[in-house]
């Protein structure tokens, strides 16, 4: 009896194995997400799964009996038939082909041919077709995006937000052009290596806060190239989140605005300085004077404004020409700068008029001593283009000791003192330029 049961069990197992394999094969064939076609040796569709109808837009019963290659675009037929013939020799093949379904919708397919072997004999070919249309579109968009990033004049960097020190994992070519660092030198480092000791600590703190809170950041930073030269970096940082809301990366856009800043500085300098002598002009003087008046008032200090007029400049300018006259004015400006002490401002108002601002001063003797030094310096001869020239100067002085609180009023008082003094001198009356 035991032998009979064992024989029955063995017979059951032997007979059950093919049925189980067949069921598994059927389930795989039927429910596979890719389209599977069972082809005859001459490429005719004998069976196909439900995914085949979805990809082609043709019902399975209408697919069966037709040539598989009719589903492919004409441009793909040469490669497809070559792959099919190679499969008939026992080699599985893969290729990509364009397919146009019955609704005239184009799909990119990845086709794999696998030989069907039974009893050591090839009886057909499987054509497994995967719709890669979306993947191809994604790859195309990714290539376009990468080309755009690489072609961008702005530096683009990507940092790994999952690592504690936020190492750079990508830099584009513009970054290497701007900074002078190669990609190999930059990758794996935190981008703070571009900062220096004089980088704005407030901007650095704003970056740290934005990164910590996973927020967008826009700052202007002083950064340094590999050779140590300064560049102004208009930096924008944005977090990148995964589908689950986890911050995985930070994208940084670096715009080198060094030339713009230099141009702005040149324009600002030109707007505030005399183009001939390089001294501050009237506008810059008024700004400094207004600030000095407020500061001295709050600190109960006194300031003095020395209004200087070159007495003999016009005859020299008329006799020797504007070229020599301009050189004389530049030399006068330098002598004034060499005579005053640190913290004293010198400005040029007009052709032969200059102003010296002493803010604050400790005593009237200090102002008079400075006035005498300036007069003595200007009384020294000027040797220009082999000419020895002598000029004199007159100085009017105004201070904030009275009720003067406006810059233009103080300038007016200083000029008035100068003109009054010159008038008295012309009438042989003794008078002091000090108000």
Protein backbone atom coordinates (compact mmCIF):
# COMPACT_ATOMS: atom_id res chain seq x y z
CA UNK A 1 0.00 0.00 0.00
CA UNK A 2 2.82 2.33 0.91
CA UNK A 3 4.48 1.71 -2.45
CA UNK A 4 1.21 2.46 -4.25
CA UNK A 5 0.77 5.79 -2.39
CA UNK A 6 4.35 6.77 -3.15
CA UNK A 7 3.83 5.93 -6.81
CA UNK A 8 0.61 7.98 -6.94
CA UNK A 9 2.34 10.93 -5.25
CA UNK A 10 5.27 10.79 -7.65
CA UNK A 11 2.94 10.59 -10.62
CA UNK A 12 0.95 13.59 -9.30
CA UNK A 13 4.11 15.70 -8.86
CA UNK A 14 5.47 14.85 -12.28
CA UNK A 15 2.21 15.70 -13.94
CA UNK A 16 1.65 18.84 -11.84
CA UNK A 17 4.98 20.52 -12.65
CA UNK A 18 4.19 21.24 -16.34
CA UNK A 19 0.79 22.61 -15.39
CA UNK A 20 2.32 24.92 -12.78
CA UNK A 21 4.97 26.17 -15.16
CA UNK A 22 2.38 26.69 -17.85
CA UNK A 23 0.19 28.66 -15.45
CA UNK A 24 3.11 30.83 -14.42
CA UNK A 25 4.10 31.37 -18.02
CA UNK A 26 0.54 32.29 -18.92
CA UNK A 27 0.29 34.75 -16.02
CA UNK A 28 3.60 36.36 -16.94
CA UNK A 29 2.65 36.57 -20.61
CA UNK A 30 -0.83 37.94 -19.95
CA UNK A 31 -0.15 40.43 -17.17
CA UNK A 32 3.28 41.72 -18.11
CA UNK A 33 3.19 45.56 -18.41
CA UNK A 34 5.21 45.40 -21.62
CA UNK A 35 3.63 44.29 -24.89
CA UNK A 36 4.63 40.70 -25.70
CA UNK A 37 4.16 39.28 -29.16
CA UNK A 38 4.72 35.61 -29.97
CA UNK A 39 5.94 35.54 -33.57
CA UNK A 40 6.31 32.74 -36.02
CA UNK A 41 9.64 32.15 -37.71
CA UNK A 42 8.52 34.39 -40.58
CA UNK A 43 7.48 37.26 -38.26
CA UNK A 44 3.72 36.70 -38.13
CA UNK A 45 1.96 37.47 -34.85
CA UNK A 46 0.52 34.28 -33.38
CA UNK A 47 -0.31 35.45 -29.87
CA UNK A 48 -0.05 38.72 -27.91
CA UNK A 49 -0.98 39.98 -24.47
CA UNK A 50 -3.34 42.77 -23.42
CA UNK A 51 -0.52 45.33 -23.23
CA UNK A 52 0.02 44.86 -26.96
CA UNK A 53 -3.49 46.12 -27.65
CA UNK A 54 -2.86 49.12 -25.39
CA UNK A 55 0.35 50.12 -27.16
CA UNK A 56 -0.88 49.57 -30.72
CA UNK A 57 -4.48 50.64 -30.24
CA UNK A 58 -5.53 47.44 -32.08
CA UNK A 59 -7.54 44.64 -30.53
CA UNK A 60 -5.66 41.38 -30.04
CA UNK A 61 -7.86 39.46 -32.47
CA UNK A 62 -6.98 41.95 -35.20
CA UNK A 63 -3.26 41.78 -34.41
CA UNK A 64 -3.07 38.01 -34.69
CA UNK A 65 -2.14 36.85 -38.18
CA UNK A 66 -0.53 40.10 -39.24
CA UNK A 67 3.17 40.77 -39.73
CA UNK A 68 4.81 42.27 -36.66
CA UNK A 69 6.88 44.67 -38.77
CA UNK A 70 3.74 46.41 -40.00
CA UNK A 71 3.51 47.96 -36.54
CA UNK A 72 6.85 49.74 -36.94
CA UNK A 73 7.69 52.91 -38.82
CA UNK A 74 9.24 52.37 -42.22
CA UNK A 75 12.51 54.00 -41.10
CA UNK A 76 12.96 51.27 -38.48
CA UNK A 77 12.37 48.26 -40.72
CA UNK A 78 15.96 47.64 -41.81
CA UNK A 79 17.29 47.49 -38.27
CA UNK A 80 14.24 45.56 -37.03
CA UNK A 81 14.47 42.83 -39.67
CA UNK A 82 18.22 42.51 -39.15
CA UNK A 83 17.63 42.02 -35.41
CA UNK A 84 14.89 39.47 -36.11
CA UNK A 85 17.16 37.47 -38.46
CA UNK A 86 19.92 37.50 -35.85
CA UNK A 87 17.45 36.15 -33.30
CA UNK A 88 16.59 33.29 -35.64
CA UNK A 89 20.23 32.29 -35.24
CA UNK A 90 19.78 32.04 -31.49
CA UNK A 91 20.96 35.51 -30.43
CA UNK A 92 18.61 37.80 -28.52
CA UNK A 93 18.55 41.35 -29.91
CA UNK A 94 17.40 44.78 -28.76
CA UNK A 95 16.74 47.98 -30.68
CA UNK A 96 14.59 51.09 -30.55
CA UNK A 97 11.91 51.83 -33.09
CA UNK A 98 9.13 54.29 -33.76
CA UNK A 99 5.61 52.89 -33.87
CA UNK A 100 2.47 54.63 -35.16
CA UNK A 101 -0.75 53.22 -33.67
CA UNK A 102 -4.16 53.17 -35.29
CA UNK A 103 -4.94 56.56 -33.75
CA UNK A 104 -1.84 57.98 -35.50
CA UNK A 105 -0.13 58.44 -32.17
CA UNK A 106 3.63 57.92 -32.32
CA UNK A 107 5.37 55.90 -29.62
CA UNK A 108 9.02 55.16 -29.04
CA UNK A 109 9.44 51.44 -28.40
CA UNK A 110 12.34 49.48 -27.00
CA UNK A 111 12.04 46.09 -28.75
CA UNK A 112 13.75 42.93 -27.52
CA UNK A 113 13.68 39.74 -29.58
CA UNK A 114 14.15 36.45 -27.69
CA UNK A 115 14.19 33.04 -29.41
CA UNK A 116 11.53 30.49 -28.33
CA UNK A 117 13.17 27.08 -27.92
CA UNK A 118 11.24 23.82 -27.46
CA UNK A 119 12.80 20.36 -27.51
CA UNK A 120 16.08 21.98 -28.55
CA UNK A 121 14.38 23.43 -31.61
CA UNK A 122 13.50 27.06 -32.34
CA UNK A 123 9.79 27.33 -32.86
CA UNK A 124 9.32 31.11 -32.79
CA UNK A 125 10.47 34.50 -31.52
CA UNK A 126 9.19 36.68 -28.72
CA UNK A 127 9.00 40.43 -29.44
CA UNK A 128 8.88 42.27 -26.12
CA UNK A 129 7.99 45.94 -26.65
CA UNK A 130 8.35 48.56 -23.93
CA UNK A 131 6.90 52.03 -24.44
CA UNK A 132 9.80 54.41 -23.72
CA UNK A 133 8.15 57.53 -25.14
CA UNK A 134 8.10 59.32 -21.78
CA UNK A 135 11.62 58.22 -20.98
CA UNK A 136 12.86 59.56 -24.33
CA UNK A 137 11.08 62.85 -23.70
CA UNK A 138 12.60 63.06 -20.23
CA UNK A 139 16.04 62.31 -21.64
CA UNK A 140 15.58 64.93 -24.35
CA UNK A 141 14.47 67.53 -21.81
CA UNK A 142 17.36 66.57 -19.55
CA UNK A 143 19.85 66.96 -22.40
CA UNK A 144 18.30 70.29 -23.32
CA UNK A 145 18.42 71.42 -19.71
CA UNK A 146 22.03 70.33 -19.37
CA UNK A 147 23.00 72.13 -22.58
CA UNK A 148 21.21 75.21 -21.31
CA UNK A 149 23.01 75.07 -17.97
CA UNK A 150 26.36 74.50 -19.64
CA UNK A 151 25.71 77.37 -22.06
CA UNK A 152 24.63 79.73 -19.30
CA UNK A 153 26.97 82.68 -18.67
CA UNK A 154 26.16 82.33 -14.96
CA UNK A 155 27.84 79.84 -12.70
CA UNK A 156 25.55 76.98 -11.66
CA UNK A 157 26.39 74.69 -8.76
CA UNK A 158 24.56 71.88 -6.99
CA UNK A 159 25.25 70.90 -3.39
CA UNK A 160 24.21 67.67 -1.65
CA UNK A 161 21.84 68.66 1.16
CA UNK A 162 21.91 65.17 2.66
CA UNK A 163 25.56 65.56 3.69
CA UNK A 164 26.52 67.65 6.76
CA UNK A 165 28.99 69.97 4.98
CA UNK A 166 26.88 70.36 1.79
CA UNK A 167 29.55 69.22 -0.70
CA UNK A 168 29.32 70.37 -4.29
CA UNK A 169 28.27 67.57 -6.62
CA UNK A 170 28.01 69.58 -9.84
CA UNK A 171 29.50 72.78 -11.30
CA UNK A 172 29.05 74.03 -14.84
CA UNK A 173 31.73 75.44 -17.11
CA UNK A 174 30.76 79.04 -16.34
CA UNK A 175 31.58 78.40 -12.68
CA UNK A 176 35.08 77.24 -13.60
CA UNK A 177 35.51 80.26 -15.91
CA UNK A 178 34.39 82.71 -13.23
CA UNK A 179 36.30 81.24 -10.30
CA UNK A 180 39.34 79.72 -12.00
CA UNK A 181 38.80 76.45 -10.13
CA UNK A 182 38.43 73.27 -12.16
CA UNK A 183 35.49 70.96 -11.53
CA UNK A 184 37.84 68.45 -9.91
CA UNK A 185 39.09 71.11 -7.47
CA UNK A 186 35.57 72.26 -6.55
CA UNK A 187 33.59 69.02 -6.31
CA UNK A 188 33.31 67.62 -2.81
CA UNK A 189 33.99 71.00 -1.16
CA UNK A 190 31.59 73.41 0.49
CA UNK A 191 31.22 76.50 -1.69
CA UNK A 192 32.32 78.72 1.20
CA UNK A 193 35.90 78.17 -0.01
CA UNK A 194 35.26 81.12 -2.36
CA UNK A 195 34.80 83.49 0.58
CA UNK A 196 37.49 85.62 2.19
CA UNK A 197 38.08 87.42 5.46
CA UNK A 198 36.30 90.52 4.18
CA UNK A 199 33.20 88.70 2.92
CA UNK A 200 30.11 90.38 4.32
CA UNK A 201 29.28 88.51 7.55
CA UNK A 202 25.62 89.56 7.28
CA UNK A 203 25.36 87.98 3.83
CA UNK A 204 27.10 84.84 5.06
CA UNK A 205 24.67 84.62 7.99
CA UNK A 206 21.73 85.08 5.62
CA UNK A 207 23.00 82.14 3.55
CA UNK A 208 23.39 79.99 6.67
CA UNK A 209 19.89 80.86 7.84
CA UNK A 210 18.32 80.16 4.43
CA UNK A 211 20.10 76.81 4.12
CA UNK A 212 19.09 75.79 7.63
CA UNK A 213 15.46 76.72 7.01
CA UNK A 214 15.43 75.36 3.43
CA UNK A 215 14.45 78.73 1.98
CA UNK A 216 15.44 80.73 -1.10
CA UNK A 217 18.33 83.14 -0.56
CA UNK A 218 19.62 86.07 -2.63
CA UNK A 219 22.75 87.87 -1.48
CA UNK A 220 25.67 89.89 -2.83
CA UNK A 221 29.06 88.50 -1.78
CA UNK A 222 32.69 89.41 -2.16
CA UNK A 223 34.25 86.17 -3.43
CA UNK A 224 37.74 85.31 -4.57
CA UNK A 225 39.02 83.48 -7.61
CA UNK A 226 41.68 80.83 -7.54
CA UNK A 227 44.37 83.47 -8.28
CA UNK A 228 43.21 85.54 -5.29
CA UNK A 229 41.49 88.29 -7.30
CA UNK A 230 38.19 89.66 -6.07
CA UNK A 231 34.87 89.25 -7.85
CA UNK A 232 31.40 90.35 -6.85
CA UNK A 233 29.00 87.40 -6.75
CA UNK A 234 25.25 87.98 -7.03
CA UNK A 235 24.26 84.64 -5.52
CA UNK A 236 20.84 82.96 -5.58
CA UNK A 237 20.31 79.70 -3.67
CA UNK A 238 17.20 77.52 -3.91
CA UNK A 239 16.41 74.21 -2.17
CA UNK A 240 15.36 71.13 -4.16
CA UNK A 241 12.84 68.81 -2.55
CA UNK A 242 12.09 65.15 -3.25
CA UNK A 243 8.59 63.82 -3.87
CA UNK A 244 8.36 63.09 -0.14
CA UNK A 245 9.24 66.67 0.80
CA UNK A 246 12.84 66.00 1.83
CA UNK A 247 15.41 68.64 0.86
CA UNK A 248 17.99 66.72 -1.16
CA UNK A 249 20.00 69.44 -2.88
CA UNK A 250 20.64 73.15 -3.13
CA UNK A 251 21.02 74.87 -6.49
CA UNK A 252 23.21 77.96 -6.56
CA UNK A 253 23.25 80.52 -9.40
CA UNK A 254 26.34 82.74 -9.43
CA UNK A 255 26.33 85.95 -11.44
CA UNK A 256 29.65 87.75 -11.72
CA UNK A 257 28.70 91.45 -11.52
CA UNK A 258 32.26 92.71 -10.96
CA UNK A 259 32.26 94.87 -14.10
CA UNK A 260 28.86 96.28 -13.17
CA UNK A 261 30.08 97.17 -9.69
CA UNK A 262 33.25 98.71 -11.09
CA UNK A 263 31.21 100.71 -13.58
CA UNK A 264 28.88 101.86 -10.81
CA UNK A 265 31.89 102.84 -8.71
CA UNK A 266 33.39 104.80 -11.64
CA UNK A 267 30.11 106.61 -12.25
CA UNK A 268 29.71 107.38 -8.54
CA UNK A 269 33.31 108.61 -8.37
CA UNK A 270 32.92 110.79 -11.45
CA UNK A 271 29.69 112.24 -10.09
CA UNK A 272 31.40 113.21 -6.83
CA UNK A 273 34.85 114.30 -8.03
CA UNK A 274 36.42 117.01 -10.15
CA UNK A 275 37.67 115.33 -13.36
CA UNK A 276 40.81 117.50 -13.54
CA UNK A 277 42.21 117.36 -10.02
CA UNK A 278 40.43 114.28 -8.65
CA UNK A 279 39.31 116.29 -5.62
CA UNK A 280 35.74 116.05 -4.33
CA UNK A 281 33.43 118.47 -6.16
CA UNK A 282 30.80 120.85 -4.79
CA UNK A 283 28.15 118.13 -4.49
CA UNK A 284 30.44 115.83 -2.56
CA UNK A 285 31.60 118.71 -0.36
CA UNK A 286 28.03 119.64 0.52
CA UNK A 287 27.29 116.05 1.49
CA UNK A 288 30.37 115.87 3.71
CA UNK A 289 29.67 119.29 5.16
CA UNK A 290 26.08 118.42 6.06
CA UNK A 291 27.26 115.25 7.78
CA UNK A 292 30.00 117.17 9.61
CA UNK A 293 27.54 119.84 10.77
CA UNK A 294 25.20 117.22 12.23
CA UNK A 295 28.04 115.35 13.91
CA UNK A 296 29.62 118.47 15.40
CA UNK A 297 26.25 119.72 16.61
CA UNK A 298 25.47 116.45 18.37
CA UNK A 299 28.92 116.40 19.96
CA UNK A 300 29.04 120.16 20.64
CA UNK A 301 32.12 120.55 18.49
CA UNK A 302 33.18 123.29 16.09
CA UNK A 303 34.22 123.09 12.46
CA UNK A 304 35.84 125.53 10.09
CA UNK A 305 35.48 126.02 6.35
CA UNK A 306 38.39 127.64 4.49
CA UNK A 307 37.42 129.16 1.14
CA UNK A 308 40.53 129.55 -1.06
CA UNK A 309 40.78 131.73 -4.16
CA UNK A 310 43.89 131.79 -6.40
CA UNK A 311 44.50 135.51 -6.98
CA UNK A 312 46.82 135.35 -10.00
CA UNK A 313 45.49 132.33 -11.86
CA UNK A 314 43.57 134.03 -14.70
CA UNK A 315 46.54 136.02 -16.07
CA UNK A 316 48.68 132.88 -16.09
CA UNK A 317 45.93 130.86 -17.80
CA UNK A 318 45.48 133.58 -20.44
CA UNK A 319 49.20 134.02 -21.03
CA UNK A 320 50.36 130.42 -21.16
CA UNK A 321 47.20 128.59 -22.28
CA UNK A 322 44.76 126.17 -20.76
CA UNK A 323 47.16 123.22 -20.88
CA UNK A 324 49.56 124.85 -18.48
CA UNK A 325 46.65 126.29 -16.51
CA UNK A 326 45.20 122.83 -15.99
CA UNK A 327 48.57 121.48 -14.88
CA UNK A 328 48.89 124.36 -12.42
CA UNK A 329 45.48 123.58 -10.92
CA UNK A 330 46.44 119.91 -10.52
CA UNK A 331 49.68 120.91 -8.80
CA UNK A 332 47.83 123.33 -6.51
CA UNK A 333 45.41 120.55 -5.55
CA UNK A 334 48.30 118.24 -4.68
CA UNK A 335 49.99 120.91 -2.57
CA UNK A 336 46.79 121.45 -0.63
CA UNK A 337 46.51 117.70 0.00
CA UNK A 338 50.16 117.54 1.08
CA UNK A 339 49.69 120.44 3.49
CA UNK A 340 46.58 119.37 5.37
CA UNK A 341 46.61 116.65 8.00
CA UNK A 342 44.70 113.38 7.99
CA UNK A 343 40.95 113.80 8.31
CA UNK A 344 40.89 117.25 6.70
CA UNK A 345 38.90 117.40 3.45
CA UNK A 346 39.95 119.32 0.33
CA UNK A 347 37.53 120.07 -2.53
CA UNK A 348 37.51 122.08 -5.74
CA UNK A 349 34.51 124.31 -6.37
CA UNK A 350 35.26 126.09 -9.64
CA UNK A 351 38.16 127.06 -11.89
CA UNK A 352 40.43 128.61 -9.25
CA UNK A 353 38.43 128.14 -6.06
CA UNK A 354 39.09 125.43 -3.48
CA UNK A 355 37.68 124.61 -0.04
CA UNK A 356 39.29 122.99 2.98
CA UNK A 357 37.02 121.52 5.67
CA UNK A 358 38.43 121.12 9.17
CA UNK A 359 35.93 119.20 11.28
CA UNK A 360 36.27 119.40 14.17
CA UNK A 361 38.92 121.84 15.34
CA UNK A 362 40.20 122.34 18.88
CA UNK A 363 40.99 126.06 18.83
CA UNK A 364 41.05 129.10 16.57
CA UNK A 365 44.84 128.96 16.67
CA UNK A 366 44.66 125.55 14.98
CA UNK A 367 42.58 127.03 12.14
CA UNK A 368 44.87 130.06 11.75
CA UNK A 369 47.95 127.83 11.74
CA UNK A 370 46.45 125.69 8.99
CA UNK A 371 45.55 128.82 7.02
CA UNK A 372 49.12 130.10 7.25
CA UNK A 373 50.53 126.73 6.13
CA UNK A 374 48.24 126.71 3.12
CA UNK A 375 49.18 130.27 2.15
CA UNK A 376 52.88 129.45 2.54
CA UNK A 377 52.57 126.31 0.43
CA UNK A 378 50.83 128.17 -2.37
CA UNK A 379 53.34 131.02 -2.22
CA UNK A 380 56.16 128.68 -3.24
CA UNK A 381 57.05 128.88 -6.95
CA UNK A 382 55.60 126.37 -9.44
CA UNK A 383 57.92 125.01 -12.13
CA UNK A 384 55.81 123.82 -15.07
CA UNK A 385 57.04 123.22 -18.63
CA UNK A 386 60.28 125.10 -17.87
CA UNK A 387 58.31 128.10 -16.55
CA UNK A 388 58.75 129.32 -12.98
CA UNK A 389 55.39 130.66 -11.90
CA UNK A 390 54.32 132.58 -8.80
CA UNK A 391 50.75 132.87 -7.55
CA UNK A 392 49.14 134.08 -4.40
CA UNK A 393 45.95 133.03 -2.66
CA UNK A 394 43.27 134.53 -0.45
CA UNK A 395 41.35 132.60 2.18
CA UNK A 396 37.99 133.31 3.80
CA UNK A 397 36.99 131.38 6.91
CA UNK A 398 33.57 130.45 8.27
CA UNK A 399 32.61 128.32 11.26
CA UNK A 400 29.52 126.87 12.86
CA UNK A 401 29.91 128.88 16.07
CA UNK A 402 26.85 130.96 15.25
CA UNK A 403 23.42 129.86 14.10
CA UNK A 404 24.59 128.34 10.81
CA UNK A 405 23.24 124.82 10.44
CA UNK A 406 23.06 124.40 6.65
CA UNK A 407 25.94 123.53 4.36
CA UNK A 408 25.10 126.10 1.70
CA UNK A 409 24.89 128.84 4.35
CA UNK A 410 28.36 128.00 5.66
CA UNK A 411 29.77 128.05 2.13
CA UNK A 412 28.12 131.39 1.50
CA UNK A 413 29.55 132.85 4.72
CA UNK A 414 33.06 131.65 3.91
CA UNK A 415 32.90 133.13 0.41
CA UNK A 416 31.44 136.35 1.81
CA UNK A 417 34.35 136.63 4.30
CA UNK A 418 36.79 136.10 1.44
CA UNK A 419 35.23 138.79 -0.75
CA UNK A 420 34.95 141.20 2.19
CA UNK A 421 38.60 140.67 3.01
CA UNK A 422 39.66 141.23 -0.59
CA UNK A 423 37.53 144.37 -0.72
CA UNK A 424 39.10 145.73 2.46
CA UNK A 425 42.58 144.93 1.22
CA UNK A 426 41.84 146.78 -2.01
CA UNK A 427 40.80 149.80 0.12
CA UNK A 428 43.89 149.42 2.34
CA UNK A 429 41.78 148.58 5.41
CA UNK A 430 43.18 146.09 7.95
CA UNK A 431 40.83 143.12 8.42
CA UNK A 432 41.03 139.44 9.37
CA UNK A 433 39.51 136.67 7.23
CA UNK A 434 38.29 135.09 10.49
CA UNK A 435 34.60 135.94 11.09
